[in-house]
Amino acid sequence: MTVVDITGGICGFTTTVTTESTAPYTAVFHLESECANWKKVEDILGGEPLNAMTELFKDKGTGKLNSKVLEVSLATIPHVSCPVISGILKSIEVSTGLALPKDAAITFKDA
C-alpha cells in the first residue's frame, strides 16, 4: 500500500491518496480530501481497478494517452495545475512497483 499526502498550495487543501496494487500493473486508489472537487473524483474513480501502464504511458501504436485519471481530473477539477493529479499518478506508479517512493516538490524562489 502507498499513502501520499498532497498539499494543493494557496488553496490550503490537503488530499491523501491511498493506493494498492491488486494485480500486476493494476492498482486502485482512494482519496480523502478537503477539496469538494477531489471528492467528486473519488466518487467517480475511487476503487476502480486501473492499468498502471495505460495510466502512465502513451500507447506505443497511436501515441495517445488513455489515462482515466487525467481524463476524469481534467473534466472535474477546474484548476489543472493542481499537484494532486501528479500525486495520484505517482502513487499508482509506486504501488505497482514501477518507481521507488521519493518525495517530489515544487519550490518557489525569490527572483
N, C-alpha and C. Protein backbone atom coordinates (compact mmCIF):
# COMPACT_ATOMS: atom_id res chain seq x y z
N MET A 1 0.85 -1.18 0.00
CA MET A 1 0.00 0.00 0.00
C MET A 1 0.89 1.24 0.00
N THR A 2 0.47 2.24 -0.76
CA THR A 2 1.18 3.51 -0.84
C THR A 2 0.25 4.61 -0.37
N VAL A 3 0.74 5.46 0.52
CA VAL A 3 -0.04 6.59 1.02
C VAL A 3 0.74 7.87 0.74
N VAL A 4 0.06 8.83 0.12
CA VAL A 4 0.68 10.09 -0.27
C VAL A 4 -0.18 11.23 0.26
N ASP A 5 0.45 12.18 0.96
CA ASP A 5 -0.23 13.41 1.38
C ASP A 5 0.19 14.53 0.44
N ILE A 6 -0.80 15.26 -0.07
CA ILE A 6 -0.52 16.33 -1.04
C ILE A 6 -1.18 17.61 -0.54
N THR A 7 -0.39 18.67 -0.44
CA THR A 7 -0.91 20.00 -0.12
C THR A 7 -1.02 20.75 -1.43
N GLY A 8 -2.23 21.21 -1.73
CA GLY A 8 -2.51 21.83 -3.02
C GLY A 8 -1.78 23.13 -3.27
N GLY A 9 -1.51 23.90 -2.28
CA GLY A 9 -0.86 25.20 -2.46
C GLY A 9 -1.66 26.28 -1.80
N ILE A 10 -1.92 27.36 -2.52
CA ILE A 10 -2.59 28.52 -1.94
C ILE A 10 -3.99 28.21 -1.45
N CYS A 11 -4.64 27.20 -2.01
CA CYS A 11 -5.98 26.82 -1.53
C CYS A 11 -5.92 26.29 -0.10
N GLY A 12 -4.77 25.72 0.28
CA GLY A 12 -4.60 25.18 1.62
C GLY A 12 -5.21 23.81 1.84
N PHE A 13 -5.81 23.23 0.81
CA PHE A 13 -6.44 21.91 0.94
C PHE A 13 -5.39 20.81 0.95
N THR A 14 -5.64 19.80 1.76
CA THR A 14 -4.79 18.62 1.80
C THR A 14 -5.60 17.44 1.26
N THR A 15 -4.94 16.63 0.46
CA THR A 15 -5.55 15.42 -0.09
C THR A 15 -4.64 14.25 0.24
N THR A 16 -5.21 13.17 0.74
CA THR A 16 -4.47 11.94 0.99
C THR A 16 -4.91 10.91 -0.03
N VAL A 17 -3.93 10.34 -0.72
CA VAL A 17 -4.18 9.31 -1.72
C VAL A 17 -3.64 8.00 -1.16
N THR A 18 -4.49 6.99 -1.11
CA THR A 18 -4.08 5.65 -0.68
C THR A 18 -4.26 4.73 -1.88
N THR A 19 -3.17 4.11 -2.29
CA THR A 19 -3.18 3.27 -3.49
C THR A 19 -2.68 1.88 -3.15
N GLU A 20 -3.32 0.88 -3.75
CA GLU A 20 -2.92 -0.50 -3.51
C GLU A 20 -2.88 -1.26 -4.82
N SER A 21 -1.82 -2.01 -5.02
CA SER A 21 -1.73 -2.86 -6.20
C SER A 21 -2.61 -4.07 -5.97
N THR A 22 -3.46 -4.38 -6.96
CA THR A 22 -4.38 -5.50 -6.84
C THR A 22 -4.01 -6.67 -7.74
N ALA A 23 -3.14 -6.43 -8.70
CA ALA A 23 -2.64 -7.44 -9.64
C ALA A 23 -1.43 -6.81 -10.30
N PRO A 24 -0.64 -7.58 -11.05
CA PRO A 24 0.50 -6.96 -11.72
C PRO A 24 0.06 -5.77 -12.59
N TYR A 25 0.70 -4.64 -12.36
CA TYR A 25 0.45 -3.40 -13.11
C TYR A 25 -0.99 -2.90 -12.98
N THR A 26 -1.68 -3.31 -11.93
CA THR A 26 -3.04 -2.85 -11.69
C THR A 26 -3.13 -2.31 -10.27
N ALA A 27 -3.80 -1.17 -10.12
CA ALA A 27 -3.93 -0.56 -8.79
C ALA A 27 -5.30 0.08 -8.64
N VAL A 28 -5.71 0.24 -7.39
CA VAL A 28 -6.90 1.02 -7.06
C VAL A 28 -6.45 2.11 -6.10
N PHE A 29 -7.14 3.25 -6.16
CA PHE A 29 -6.82 4.31 -5.21
C PHE A 29 -8.10 4.85 -4.59
N HIS A 30 -7.91 5.48 -3.44
CA HIS A 30 -8.98 6.21 -2.76
C HIS A 30 -8.41 7.54 -2.32
N LEU A 31 -9.26 8.57 -2.36
CA LEU A 31 -8.88 9.92 -1.96
C LEU A 31 -9.65 10.34 -0.73
N GLU A 32 -8.98 11.03 0.16
CA GLU A 32 -9.63 11.77 1.23
C GLU A 32 -9.16 13.19 1.04
N SER A 33 -10.08 14.12 0.85
CA SER A 33 -9.69 15.49 0.53
C SER A 33 -10.61 16.51 1.18
N GLU A 34 -10.03 17.66 1.48
CA GLU A 34 -10.82 18.80 1.94
C GLU A 34 -11.46 19.51 0.75
N CYS A 35 -11.00 19.20 -0.47
CA CYS A 35 -11.48 19.85 -1.69
C CYS A 35 -12.71 19.12 -2.23
N ALA A 36 -13.79 19.87 -2.43
CA ALA A 36 -15.03 19.28 -2.95
C ALA A 36 -14.84 18.68 -4.33
N ASN A 37 -13.98 19.28 -5.15
CA ASN A 37 -13.75 18.76 -6.50
C ASN A 37 -13.05 17.41 -6.47
N TRP A 38 -12.08 17.25 -5.59
CA TRP A 38 -11.40 15.95 -5.50
C TRP A 38 -12.31 14.89 -4.91
N LYS A 39 -13.27 15.28 -4.08
CA LYS A 39 -14.26 14.32 -3.58
C LYS A 39 -15.09 13.77 -4.74
N LYS A 40 -15.35 14.60 -5.74
CA LYS A 40 -16.07 14.14 -6.94
C LYS A 40 -15.25 13.11 -7.70
N VAL A 41 -13.94 13.33 -7.80
CA VAL A 41 -13.06 12.36 -8.48
C VAL A 41 -13.09 11.03 -7.73
N GLU A 42 -13.07 11.09 -6.41
CA GLU A 42 -13.16 9.87 -5.60
C GLU A 42 -14.46 9.13 -5.90
N ASP A 43 -15.55 9.86 -6.01
CA ASP A 43 -16.84 9.23 -6.32
C ASP A 43 -16.83 8.53 -7.68
N ILE A 44 -16.09 9.07 -8.62
CA ILE A 44 -16.05 8.51 -9.98
C ILE A 44 -15.04 7.38 -10.10
N LEU A 45 -13.81 7.58 -9.59
CA LEU A 45 -12.73 6.62 -9.82
C LEU A 45 -12.29 5.83 -8.58
N GLY A 46 -12.68 6.26 -7.41
CA GLY A 46 -12.23 5.59 -6.19
C GLY A 46 -12.56 4.11 -6.19
N GLY A 47 -11.55 3.29 -6.05
CA GLY A 47 -11.74 1.84 -6.00
C GLY A 47 -11.80 1.15 -7.35
N GLU A 48 -11.76 1.92 -8.45
CA GLU A 48 -11.79 1.30 -9.78
C GLU A 48 -10.40 0.75 -10.14
N PRO A 49 -10.31 -0.50 -10.56
CA PRO A 49 -9.01 -1.03 -10.98
C PRO A 49 -8.48 -0.26 -12.21
N LEU A 50 -7.24 0.20 -12.10
CA LEU A 50 -6.62 0.96 -13.17
C LEU A 50 -5.35 0.28 -13.63
N ASN A 51 -5.15 0.21 -14.93
CA ASN A 51 -3.95 -0.35 -15.51
C ASN A 51 -2.85 0.71 -15.45
N ALA A 52 -1.80 0.45 -14.68
CA ALA A 52 -0.74 1.44 -14.50
C ALA A 52 -0.06 1.78 -15.82
N MET A 53 0.11 0.83 -16.69
CA MET A 53 0.78 1.09 -17.96
C MET A 53 -0.06 2.05 -18.82
N THR A 54 -1.38 1.89 -18.79
CA THR A 54 -2.27 2.79 -19.53
C THR A 54 -2.32 4.17 -18.89
N GLU A 55 -2.29 4.21 -17.57
CA GLU A 55 -2.36 5.49 -16.86
C GLU A 55 -1.09 6.32 -17.03
N LEU A 56 0.06 5.66 -17.11
CA LEU A 56 1.33 6.37 -17.03
C LEU A 56 2.06 6.56 -18.35
N PHE A 57 1.69 5.81 -19.38
CA PHE A 57 2.44 5.87 -20.63
C PHE A 57 1.52 6.00 -21.84
N LYS A 58 2.02 6.67 -22.85
CA LYS A 58 1.28 6.79 -24.10
C LYS A 58 1.24 5.43 -24.81
N ASP A 59 0.19 5.19 -25.56
CA ASP A 59 0.06 3.99 -26.37
C ASP A 59 1.15 4.01 -27.44
N LYS A 60 1.95 2.96 -27.51
CA LYS A 60 3.05 2.92 -28.47
C LYS A 60 2.58 2.97 -29.92
N GLY A 61 1.42 2.39 -30.17
CA GLY A 61 0.91 2.33 -31.53
C GLY A 61 0.31 3.64 -32.02
N THR A 62 -0.43 4.31 -31.12
CA THR A 62 -1.13 5.53 -31.53
C THR A 62 -0.49 6.81 -31.04
N GLY A 63 0.36 6.70 -30.02
CA GLY A 63 0.96 7.88 -29.42
C GLY A 63 0.01 8.65 -28.53
N LYS A 64 -1.17 8.09 -28.26
CA LYS A 64 -2.17 8.76 -27.44
C LYS A 64 -2.09 8.30 -25.99
N LEU A 65 -2.45 9.20 -25.10
CA LEU A 65 -2.54 8.88 -23.69
C LEU A 65 -3.99 8.55 -23.37
N ASN A 66 -4.22 7.41 -22.72
CA ASN A 66 -5.58 6.96 -22.43
C ASN A 66 -5.82 6.87 -20.92
N SER A 67 -5.30 7.82 -20.18
CA SER A 67 -5.38 7.81 -18.72
C SER A 67 -6.76 8.22 -18.22
N LYS A 68 -7.40 7.33 -17.46
CA LYS A 68 -8.68 7.66 -16.83
C LYS A 68 -8.48 8.74 -15.76
N VAL A 69 -7.35 8.66 -15.04
CA VAL A 69 -7.06 9.66 -14.01
C VAL A 69 -7.02 11.05 -14.62
N LEU A 70 -6.27 11.20 -15.71
CA LEU A 70 -6.20 12.51 -16.36
C LEU A 70 -7.54 12.92 -16.95
N GLU A 71 -8.21 12.01 -17.60
CA GLU A 71 -9.50 12.33 -18.24
C GLU A 71 -10.52 12.83 -17.21
N VAL A 72 -10.67 12.08 -16.13
CA VAL A 72 -11.65 12.46 -15.11
C VAL A 72 -11.20 13.72 -14.37
N SER A 73 -9.92 13.82 -14.05
CA SER A 73 -9.42 15.00 -13.34
C SER A 73 -9.60 16.26 -14.17
N LEU A 74 -9.26 16.21 -15.44
CA LEU A 74 -9.37 17.40 -16.28
C LEU A 74 -10.83 17.79 -16.53
N ALA A 75 -11.73 16.81 -16.46
CA ALA A 75 -13.16 17.11 -16.62
C ALA A 75 -13.79 17.61 -15.32
N THR A 76 -13.17 17.32 -14.19
CA THR A 76 -13.76 17.60 -12.89
C THR A 76 -13.09 18.75 -12.14
N ILE A 77 -11.78 18.86 -12.27
CA ILE A 77 -11.01 19.82 -11.49
C ILE A 77 -10.85 21.11 -12.29
N PRO A 78 -11.32 22.24 -11.78
CA PRO A 78 -11.22 23.49 -12.54
C PRO A 78 -9.80 24.04 -12.62
N HIS A 79 -8.91 23.59 -11.75
CA HIS A 79 -7.55 24.13 -11.68
C HIS A 79 -6.57 23.04 -12.14
N VAL A 80 -6.24 23.03 -13.42
CA VAL A 80 -5.48 21.90 -13.99
C VAL A 80 -4.04 21.80 -13.51
N SER A 81 -3.51 22.85 -12.86
CA SER A 81 -2.15 22.74 -12.34
C SER A 81 -2.12 22.19 -10.92
N CYS A 82 -3.25 21.74 -10.40
CA CYS A 82 -3.31 21.17 -9.06
C CYS A 82 -2.36 19.97 -8.97
N PRO A 83 -1.47 19.95 -7.98
CA PRO A 83 -0.50 18.86 -7.87
C PRO A 83 -1.09 17.51 -7.48
N VAL A 84 -2.36 17.48 -7.12
CA VAL A 84 -2.98 16.20 -6.75
C VAL A 84 -2.99 15.26 -7.96
N ILE A 85 -3.15 15.80 -9.16
CA ILE A 85 -3.14 14.95 -10.36
C ILE A 85 -1.84 14.16 -10.43
N SER A 86 -0.72 14.83 -10.31
CA SER A 86 0.58 14.15 -10.34
C SER A 86 0.74 13.20 -9.17
N GLY A 87 0.22 13.60 -8.00
CA GLY A 87 0.33 12.75 -6.82
C GLY A 87 -0.39 11.43 -6.97
N ILE A 88 -1.57 11.46 -7.59
CA ILE A 88 -2.30 10.21 -7.84
C ILE A 88 -1.49 9.30 -8.77
N LEU A 89 -1.00 9.87 -9.85
CA LEU A 89 -0.24 9.07 -10.83
C LEU A 89 1.04 8.52 -10.22
N LYS A 90 1.74 9.33 -9.42
CA LYS A 90 2.97 8.84 -8.75
C LYS A 90 2.64 7.72 -7.77
N SER A 91 1.52 7.85 -7.07
CA SER A 91 1.11 6.82 -6.12
C SER A 91 0.82 5.50 -6.84
N ILE A 92 0.17 5.57 -8.00
CA ILE A 92 -0.08 4.37 -8.80
C ILE A 92 1.25 3.76 -9.24
N GLU A 93 2.15 4.61 -9.69
CA GLU A 93 3.47 4.16 -10.17
C GLU A 93 4.23 3.42 -9.06
N VAL A 94 4.24 3.98 -7.87
CA VAL A 94 4.97 3.36 -6.76
C VAL A 94 4.28 2.09 -6.29
N SER A 95 2.97 2.12 -6.16
CA SER A 95 2.26 0.94 -5.63
C SER A 95 2.37 -0.27 -6.55
N THR A 96 2.55 -0.05 -7.84
CA THR A 96 2.69 -1.17 -8.78
C THR A 96 4.14 -1.55 -9.03
N GLY A 97 5.07 -0.92 -8.34
CA GLY A 97 6.48 -1.27 -8.45
C GLY A 97 7.19 -0.67 -9.65
N LEU A 98 6.58 0.31 -10.31
CA LEU A 98 7.21 0.94 -11.48
C LEU A 98 8.14 2.08 -11.09
N ALA A 99 8.14 2.47 -9.82
CA ALA A 99 9.04 3.50 -9.32
C ALA A 99 9.24 3.28 -7.83
N LEU A 100 10.33 3.82 -7.32
CA LEU A 100 10.56 3.79 -5.89
C LEU A 100 9.96 5.04 -5.26
N PRO A 101 9.55 4.94 -4.00
CA PRO A 101 8.97 6.13 -3.35
C PRO A 101 10.05 7.18 -3.07
N LYS A 102 9.81 8.38 -3.54
CA LYS A 102 10.73 9.50 -3.31
C LYS A 102 9.90 10.77 -3.35
N ASP A 103 10.05 11.61 -2.33
CA ASP A 103 9.31 12.87 -2.29
C ASP A 103 9.70 13.76 -3.47
N ALA A 104 8.71 14.49 -3.96
CA ALA A 104 8.92 15.48 -5.01
C ALA A 104 8.44 16.82 -4.46
N ALA A 105 8.88 17.91 -5.07
CA ALA A 105 8.48 19.23 -4.57
C ALA A 105 8.48 20.25 -5.69
N ILE A 106 7.65 21.27 -5.51
CA ILE A 106 7.70 22.47 -6.33
C ILE A 106 8.07 23.58 -5.36
N THR A 107 9.20 24.22 -5.58
CA THR A 107 9.68 25.24 -4.64
C THR A 107 9.81 26.56 -5.36
N PHE A 108 9.14 27.58 -4.84
CA PHE A 108 9.23 28.91 -5.43
C PHE A 108 10.39 29.68 -4.79
N LYS A 109 11.21 30.29 -5.62
CA LYS A 109 12.36 31.06 -5.18
C LYS A 109 12.10 32.53 -5.42
N ASP A 110 12.63 33.38 -4.55
CA ASP A 110 12.54 34.82 -4.79
C ASP A 110 13.43 35.18 -5.97
N ALA A 111 12.90 36.00 -6.88
CA ALA A 111 13.68 36.40 -8.06
C ALA A 111 14.58 37.56 -7.77
